[in-house]
C-alpha atoms as a PDB file:
ATOM      1  CA  MET A   1      67.531 112.342 112.050  1.00  0.00           C
ATOM      2  CA  ASN A   2      67.486 116.071 112.734  1.00  0.00           C
ATOM      3  CA  GLN A   3      66.518 118.289 109.830  1.00  0.00           C
ATOM      4  CA  MET A   4      69.026 120.851 108.573  1.00  0.00           C
ATOM      5  CA  GLN A   5      67.923 124.455 108.617  1.00  0.00           C
ATOM      6  CA  PRO A   6      67.404 125.913 105.094  1.00  0.00           C
ATOM      7  CA  THR A   7      70.456 128.145 105.547  1.00  0.00           C
ATOM      8  CA  ALA A   8      72.684 125.147 106.239  1.00  0.00           C
ATOM      9  CA  ALA A   9      71.397 123.393 103.122  1.00  0.00           C
ATOM     10  CA  LYS A  10      72.203 126.463 101.011  1.00  0.00           C
ATOM     11  CA  ILE A  11      75.716 126.702 102.455  1.00  0.00           C
ATOM     12  CA  ALA A  12      76.304 123.012 101.787  1.00  0.00           C
ATOM     13  CA  ARG A  13      75.159 123.410  98.170  1.00  0.00           C
ATOM     14  CA  ARG A  14      77.400 126.459  97.710  1.00  0.00           C
ATOM     15  CA  ALA A  15      80.416 124.641  99.164  1.00  0.00           C
ATOM     16  CA  ARG A  16      79.836 121.632  96.926  1.00  0.00           C
ATOM     17  CA  SER A  17      79.241 123.907  93.928  1.00  0.00           C
ATOM     18  CA  ALA A  18      82.477 125.808  94.578  1.00  0.00           C
ATOM     19  CA  PHE A  19      84.347 122.534  94.886  1.00  0.00           C
ATOM     20  CA  SER A  20      82.826 121.209  91.658  1.00  0.00           C
ATOM     21  CA  ARG A  21      83.728 124.366  89.718  1.00  0.00           C
ATOM     22  CA  ARG A  22      87.321 124.303  90.908  1.00  0.00           C
ATOM     23  CA  THR A  23      87.642 120.565  90.318  1.00  0.00           C
ATOM     24  CA  LEU A  24      86.390 120.994  86.748  1.00  0.00           C
ATOM     25  CA  GLN A  25      88.870 123.833  86.179  1.00  0.00           C
ATOM     26  CA  ALA A  26      91.746 121.769  87.559  1.00  0.00           C
ATOM     27  CA  ALA A  27      90.752 118.719  85.516  1.00  0.00           C
ATOM     28  CA  THR A  28      90.520 120.797  82.335  1.00  0.00           C
ATOM     29  CA  ILE A  29      93.913 122.452  82.634  1.00  0.00           C
ATOM     30  CA  ALA A  30      95.912 119.872  84.521  1.00  0.00           C
ATOM     31  CA  GLY A  31      94.248 116.504  83.939  1.00  0.00           C
ATOM     32  CA  VAL A  32      92.824 114.286  86.582  1.00  0.00           C
ATOM     33  CA  MET A  33      94.932 113.866  89.710  1.00  0.00           C
ATOM     34  CA  ALA A  34      93.851 111.521  92.463  1.00  0.00           C
ATOM     35  CA  LEU A  35      95.071 110.072  95.718  1.00  0.00           C
ATOM     36  CA  THR A  36      93.696 106.944  97.324  1.00  0.00           C
ATOM     37  CA  VAL A  37      95.129 106.471 100.764  1.00  0.00           C
ATOM     38  CA  GLY A  38      92.069 104.902 102.384  1.00  0.00           C
ATOM     39  CA  THR A  39      92.589 103.447 105.794  1.00  0.00           C
ATOM     40  CA  ALA A  40      96.113 102.245 105.077  1.00  0.00           C
ATOM     41  CA  GLY A  41      97.496 105.440 106.621  1.00  0.00           C
ATOM     42  CA  ALA A  42      98.306 106.114 110.221  1.00  0.00           C
ATOM     43  CA  SER A  43      95.867 104.517 112.609  1.00  0.00           C
ATOM     44  CA  PHE A  44      95.470 106.445 115.808  1.00  0.00           C
ATOM     45  CA  ALA A  45      96.207 104.708 119.083  1.00  0.00           C
ATOM     46  CA  SER A  46      92.749 104.849 120.583  1.00  0.00           C
ATOM     47  CA  THR A  47      89.288 104.601 119.098  1.00  0.00           C
ATOM     48  CA  GLY A  48      87.712 105.726 122.352  1.00  0.00           C
ATOM     49  CA  HIS A  49      86.710 109.085 123.744  1.00  0.00           C
ATOM     50  CA  GLN A  50      89.639 111.311 124.610  1.00  0.00           C
ATOM     51  CA  ILE A  51      89.325 114.360 126.851  1.00  0.00           C
ATOM     52  CA  ARG A  52      91.521 117.192 125.594  1.00  0.00           C
ATOM     53  CA  PRO A  53      93.549 119.114 128.188  1.00  0.00           C
ATOM     54  CA  ASN A  54      91.505 122.270 127.663  1.00  0.00           C
ATOM     55  CA  GLY A  55      88.222 120.537 128.533  1.00  0.00           C
ATOM     56  CA  TYR A  56      87.023 119.697 125.003  1.00  0.00           C
ATOM     57  CA  SER A  57      85.881 116.174 124.222  1.00  0.00           C
ATOM     58  CA  PRO A  58      84.928 114.612 120.855  1.00  0.00           C
ATOM     59  CA  THR A  59      81.380 113.586 120.030  1.00  0.00           C
ATOM     60  CA  GLU A  60      81.660 112.505 116.380  1.00  0.00           C
ATOM     61  CA  GLU A  61      85.252 111.862 115.290  1.00  0.00           C
ATOM     62  CA  CYS A  62      87.012 110.086 112.457  1.00  0.00           C
ATOM     63  CA  LEU A  63      90.390 108.673 113.353  1.00  0.00           C
ATOM     64  CA  ASN A  64      91.628 108.239 109.780  1.00  0.00           C
ATOM     65  CA  TRP A  65      91.260 110.724 106.979  1.00  0.00           C
ATOM     66  CA  SER A  66      93.071 111.707 103.798  1.00  0.00           C
ATOM     67  CA  GLY A  67      92.650 113.609 100.565  1.00  0.00           C
ATOM     68  CA  THR A  68      93.943 116.592  98.610  1.00  0.00           C
ATOM     69  CA  ILE A  69      94.149 120.354  98.777  1.00  0.00           C
ATOM     70  CA  LYS A  70      94.420 122.003  95.355  1.00  0.00           C
ATOM     71  CA  TYR A  71      96.089 125.419  95.430  1.00  0.00           C
ATOM     72  CA  PHE A  72      95.841 128.093  92.738  1.00  0.00           C
ATOM     73  CA  PRO A  73      98.199 129.605  91.688  1.00  0.00           C
ATOM     74  CA  ALA A  74     100.980 127.053  92.186  1.00  0.00           C
ATOM     75  CA  LEU A  75     102.862 127.012  95.483  1.00  0.00           C
ATOM     76  CA  THR A  76     106.405 128.397  95.634  1.00  0.00           C
ATOM     77  CA  LYS A  77     108.995 129.063  98.350  1.00  0.00           C
ATOM     78  CA  THR A  78     107.603 132.596  98.670  1.00  0.00           C
ATOM     79  CA  SER A  79     104.301 133.271 100.447  1.00  0.00           C
ATOM     80  CA  HIS A  80     101.546 134.551  98.155  1.00  0.00           C
ATOM     81  CA  ASN A  81      97.741 134.750  97.952  1.00  0.00           C
ATOM     82  CA  VAL A  82      96.025 131.485  97.055  1.00  0.00           C
ATOM     83  CA  THR A  83      92.644 129.862  96.603  1.00  0.00           C
ATOM     84  CA  ALA A  84      92.502 126.288  97.894  1.00  0.00           C
ATOM     85  CA  VAL A  85      89.980 123.482  97.434  1.00  0.00           C
ATOM     86  CA  LEU A  86      89.875 120.738 100.075  1.00  0.00           C
ATOM     87  CA  ASN A  87      88.556 117.268  99.208  1.00  0.00           C
ATOM     88  CA  ALA A  88      88.899 114.516 101.823  1.00  0.00           C
ATOM     89  CA  THR A  89      87.506 111.148 102.863  1.00  0.00           C
ATOM     90  CA  LEU A  90      86.834 110.258 106.512  1.00  0.00           C
ATOM     91  CA  SER A  91      87.006 106.706 107.872  1.00  0.00           C
ATOM     92  CA  ASN A  92      87.231 104.738 111.138  1.00  0.00           C
ATOM     93  CA  CYS A  93      84.605 107.050 112.634  1.00  0.00           C
ATOM     94  CA  ASN A  94      82.625 106.828 115.863  1.00  0.00           C
ATOM     95  CA  PHE A  95      79.962 108.765 117.767  1.00  0.00           C
ATOM     96  CA  ASP A  96      80.539 108.847 121.526  1.00  0.00           C
ATOM     97  CA  GLY A  97      82.666 105.716 121.122  1.00  0.00           C
ATOM     98  CA  THR A  98      80.163 103.733 118.997  1.00  0.00           C
ATOM     99  CA  GLY A  99      81.905 102.736 115.768  1.00  0.00           C
ATOM    100  CA  GLN A 100      80.538 103.375 112.280  1.00  0.00           C
ATOM    101  CA  THR A 101      80.934 101.264 109.147  1.00  0.00           C
ATOM    102  CA  PHE A 102      80.692 103.813 106.355  1.00  0.00           C
ATOM    103  CA  SER A 103      82.965 106.682 105.327  1.00  0.00           C
ATOM    104  CA  GLY A 104      82.333 110.420 105.230  1.00  0.00           C
ATOM    105  CA  THR A 105      83.456 113.268 102.983  1.00  0.00           C
ATOM    106  CA  VAL A 106      84.698 116.835 103.340  1.00  0.00           C
ATOM    107  CA  PHE A 107      84.519 119.648 100.773  1.00  0.00           C
ATOM    108  CA  GLY A 108      85.989 123.072 101.383  1.00  0.00           C
ATOM    109  CA  ASP A 109      86.724 126.354  99.608  1.00  0.00           C
ATOM    110  CA  LEU A 110      89.470 128.366 101.322  1.00  0.00           C
ATOM    111  CA  THR A 111      91.590 131.451 100.679  1.00  0.00           C
ATOM    112  CA  GLY A 112      94.667 133.014 102.248  1.00  0.00           C
ATOM    113  CA  THR A 113      98.426 132.759 101.820  1.00  0.00           C
ATOM    114  CA  ALA A 114     100.685 129.731 101.406  1.00  0.00           C
ATOM    115  CA  THR A 115     104.119 128.429 100.469  1.00  0.00           C
ATOM    116  CA  LYS A 116     105.327 124.922  99.661  1.00  0.00           C
ATOM    117  CA  THR A 117     105.751 124.234 103.391  1.00  0.00           C
ATOM    118  CA  ALA A 118     103.173 126.380 105.221  1.00  0.00           C
ATOM    119  CA  ALA A 119      99.696 127.830 104.881  1.00  0.00           C
ATOM    120  CA  THR A 120      97.450 130.365 106.570  1.00  0.00           C
ATOM    121  CA  ILE A 121      94.069 129.849 104.940  1.00  0.00           C
ATOM    122  CA  SER A 122      90.416 129.939 105.970  1.00  0.00           C
ATOM    123  CA  GLY A 123      86.957 129.341 104.553  1.00  0.00           C
ATOM    124  CA  ASN A 124      83.824 127.217 104.658  1.00  0.00           C
ATOM    125  CA  VAL A 125      83.783 123.430 104.767  1.00  0.00           C
ATOM    126  CA  ALA A 126      80.835 121.061 104.412  1.00  0.00           C
ATOM    127  CA  VAL A 127      81.190 117.683 106.150  1.00  0.00           C
ATOM    128  CA  THR A 128      79.002 114.699 105.300  1.00  0.00           C
ATOM    129  CA  TRP A 129      79.377 112.195 108.122  1.00  0.00           C
ATOM    130  CA  PRO A 130      79.116 108.401 107.608  1.00  0.00           C
ATOM    131  CA  GLN A 131      75.603 107.249 106.755  1.00  0.00           C
ATOM    132  CA  ASP A 132      75.323 105.161 109.902  1.00  0.00           C
ATOM    133  CA  ALA A 133      76.197 108.185 112.067  1.00  0.00           C
ATOM    134  CA  ASN A 134      72.635 109.439 111.389  1.00  0.00           C
ATOM    135  CA  LEU A 135      73.876 113.032 111.556  1.00  0.00           C
ATOM    136  CA  ASP A 136      73.043 116.046 109.417  1.00  0.00           C
ATOM    137  CA  PRO A 137      75.922 117.523 107.417  1.00  0.00           C
ATOM    138  CA  THR A 138      78.107 119.935 109.358  1.00  0.00           C
ATOM    139  CA  ILE A 139      78.963 123.424 108.094  1.00  0.00           C
ATOM    140  CA  ALA A 140      81.852 125.354 109.656  1.00  0.00           C
ATOM    141  CA  HIS A 141      84.193 128.224 108.884  1.00  0.00           C
ATOM    142  CA  ILE A 142      87.684 126.912 109.648  1.00  0.00           C
ATOM    143  CA  SER A 143      91.130 128.456 109.866  1.00  0.00           C
ATOM    144  CA  VAL A 144      94.234 126.448 108.941  1.00  0.00           C
ATOM    145  CA  SER A 145      97.695 127.270 110.284  1.00  0.00           C
ATOM    146  CA  THR A 146     101.095 125.567 110.242  1.00  0.00           C
ATOM    147  CA  SER A 147     103.445 124.774 113.124  1.00  0.00           C
ATOM    148  CA  SER A 148     106.412 122.380 113.086  1.00  0.00           C
ATOM    149  CA  ASP A 149     105.405 120.987 109.663  1.00  0.00           C
ATOM    150  CA  THR A 150     101.895 120.083 110.915  1.00  0.00           C
ATOM    151  CA  TYR A 151      98.806 121.778 109.510  1.00  0.00           C
ATOM    152  CA  SER A 152      96.063 122.283 112.119  1.00  0.00           C
ATOM    153  CA  PHE A 153      92.546 123.604 111.668  1.00  0.00           C
ATOM    154  CA  ASN A 154      89.686 124.667 113.905  1.00  0.00           C
ATOM    155  CA  GLY A 155      86.429 126.549 113.628  1.00  0.00           C
ATOM    156  CA  THR A 156      83.032 126.958 115.222  1.00  0.00           C
ATOM    157  CA  ILE A 157      80.239 124.930 113.623  1.00  0.00           C
ATOM    158  CA  SER A 158      77.577 127.263 112.253  1.00  0.00           C
ATOM    159  CA  ALA A 159      74.959 124.777 111.015  1.00  0.00           C
ATOM    160  CA  GLY A 160      74.019 121.095 111.014  1.00  0.00           C
ATOM    161  CA  ALA A 161      75.358 118.462 113.380  1.00  0.00           C
ATOM    162  CA  GLY A 162      77.310 119.956 116.272  1.00  0.00           C
ATOM    163  CA  THR A 163      76.107 123.542 115.821  1.00  0.00           C
ATOM    164  CA  GLY A 164      77.907 125.746 118.342  1.00  0.00           C
ATOM    165  CA  ASN A 165      80.655 123.183 118.987  1.00  0.00           C
ATOM    166  CA  GLU A 166      84.125 123.086 117.423  1.00  0.00           C
ATOM    167  CA  LEU A 167      85.411 121.300 114.318  1.00  0.00           C
ATOM    168  CA  TRP A 168      89.062 120.299 114.816  1.00  0.00           C
ATOM    169  CA  GLY A 169      91.797 118.229 113.239  1.00  0.00           C
ATOM    170  CA  SER A 170      95.303 118.274 111.800  1.00  0.00           C
ATOM    171  CA  TYR A 171      97.146 116.780 108.847  1.00  0.00           C
ATOM    172  CA  ASP A 172     100.542 116.321 107.255  1.00  0.00           C
ATOM    173  CA  SER A 173     101.532 117.062 103.667  1.00  0.00           C
ATOM    174  CA  ILE A 174     102.713 113.795 102.098  1.00  0.00           C
ATOM    175  CA  GLY A 175     103.493 115.046  98.610  1.00  0.00           C
ATOM    176  CA  GLN A 176     102.853 117.768  96.059  1.00  0.00           C
ATOM    177  CA  VAL A 177     102.290 117.715  92.303  1.00  0.00           C
ATOM    178  CA  LYS A 178     102.610 120.940  90.317  1.00  0.00           C
ATOM    179  CA  GLY A 179     100.809 121.443  87.023  1.00  0.00           C
ATOM    180  CA  GLY A 180      98.293 123.490  85.071  1.00  0.00           C
ATOM    181  CA  GLY A 181      99.001 126.621  87.052  1.00  0.00           C
ATOM    182  CA  GLY A 182      98.297 125.006  90.423  1.00  0.00           C
ATOM    183  CA  THR A 183      99.655 122.622  93.040  1.00  0.00           C
ATOM    184  CA  THR A 184      97.867 119.525  94.315  1.00  0.00           C
ATOM    185  CA  GLU A 185      98.952 118.669  97.850  1.00  0.00           C
ATOM    186  CA  ASN A 186      98.242 115.162  99.127  1.00  0.00           C
ATOM    187  CA  ILE A 187      97.330 115.172 102.819  1.00  0.00           C
ATOM    188  CA  LEU A 188      97.043 112.557 105.558  1.00  0.00           C
ATOM    189  CA  GLY A 189      95.350 113.182 108.893  1.00  0.00           C
ATOM    190  CA  SER A 190      97.735 113.366 111.846  1.00  0.00           C
ATOM    191  CA  ALA A 191      94.990 113.859 114.465  1.00  0.00           C
ATOM    192  CA  PRO A 192      91.288 112.915 114.381  1.00  0.00           C
ATOM    193  CA  PHE A 193      88.853 114.985 112.340  1.00  0.00           C
ATOM    194  CA  GLY A 194      85.826 115.630 114.518  1.00  0.00           C
ATOM    195  CA  ILE A 195      83.251 117.608 116.430  1.00  0.00           C
ATOM    196  CA  PHE A 196      84.451 118.669 119.877  1.00  0.00           C
ATOM    197  CA  GLU A 197      82.304 120.042 122.677  1.00  0.00           C
ATOM    198  CA  ASN A 198      83.465 122.006 125.698  1.00  0.00           C
ATOM    199  CA  LEU A 199      82.749 120.034 128.853  1.00  0.00           C
ATOM    200  CA  GLY A 200      84.133 122.832 131.012  1.00  0.00           C
END
């Protein structure tokens, strides 16, 4: 297994620390909220390698993923500044088409603007791939935007597995719970979460 650079390790710790602080705050003021979607959600049509029209192809990708984004302050119909904490689980993953048994996790700390139906947010995410992927964690600064009710994200990987490549995916909002000054949005992947390289 490749060794992470010290900088990547520090970023990963900071991302996890930020997530932990915000989770503790949310749990204290709003109680524990959880979503377990697992692999019962949408299963994508192909588990193989797919070339994207613009020349990008996945290396490591997870076809199923789900979780929550916790927004503070609570979402309304009017756009306003927010802080958002992403927590997701990755499953049905493969590296260059070779399937993996275990699941992965994603932690992110993002800021920007959002409403109940759209978001323009960005920030750092730390991705821990499935154990049998034998990959270092991936650190990337992603930007999330909304189009036709689908939330899409992308960003260049700055450290760990896939450094220099792109981290891409998209998700749908499948429900929101308001409480304790914030909104917890349940999300379900609508396109694979993965590392994409430009094959020209």
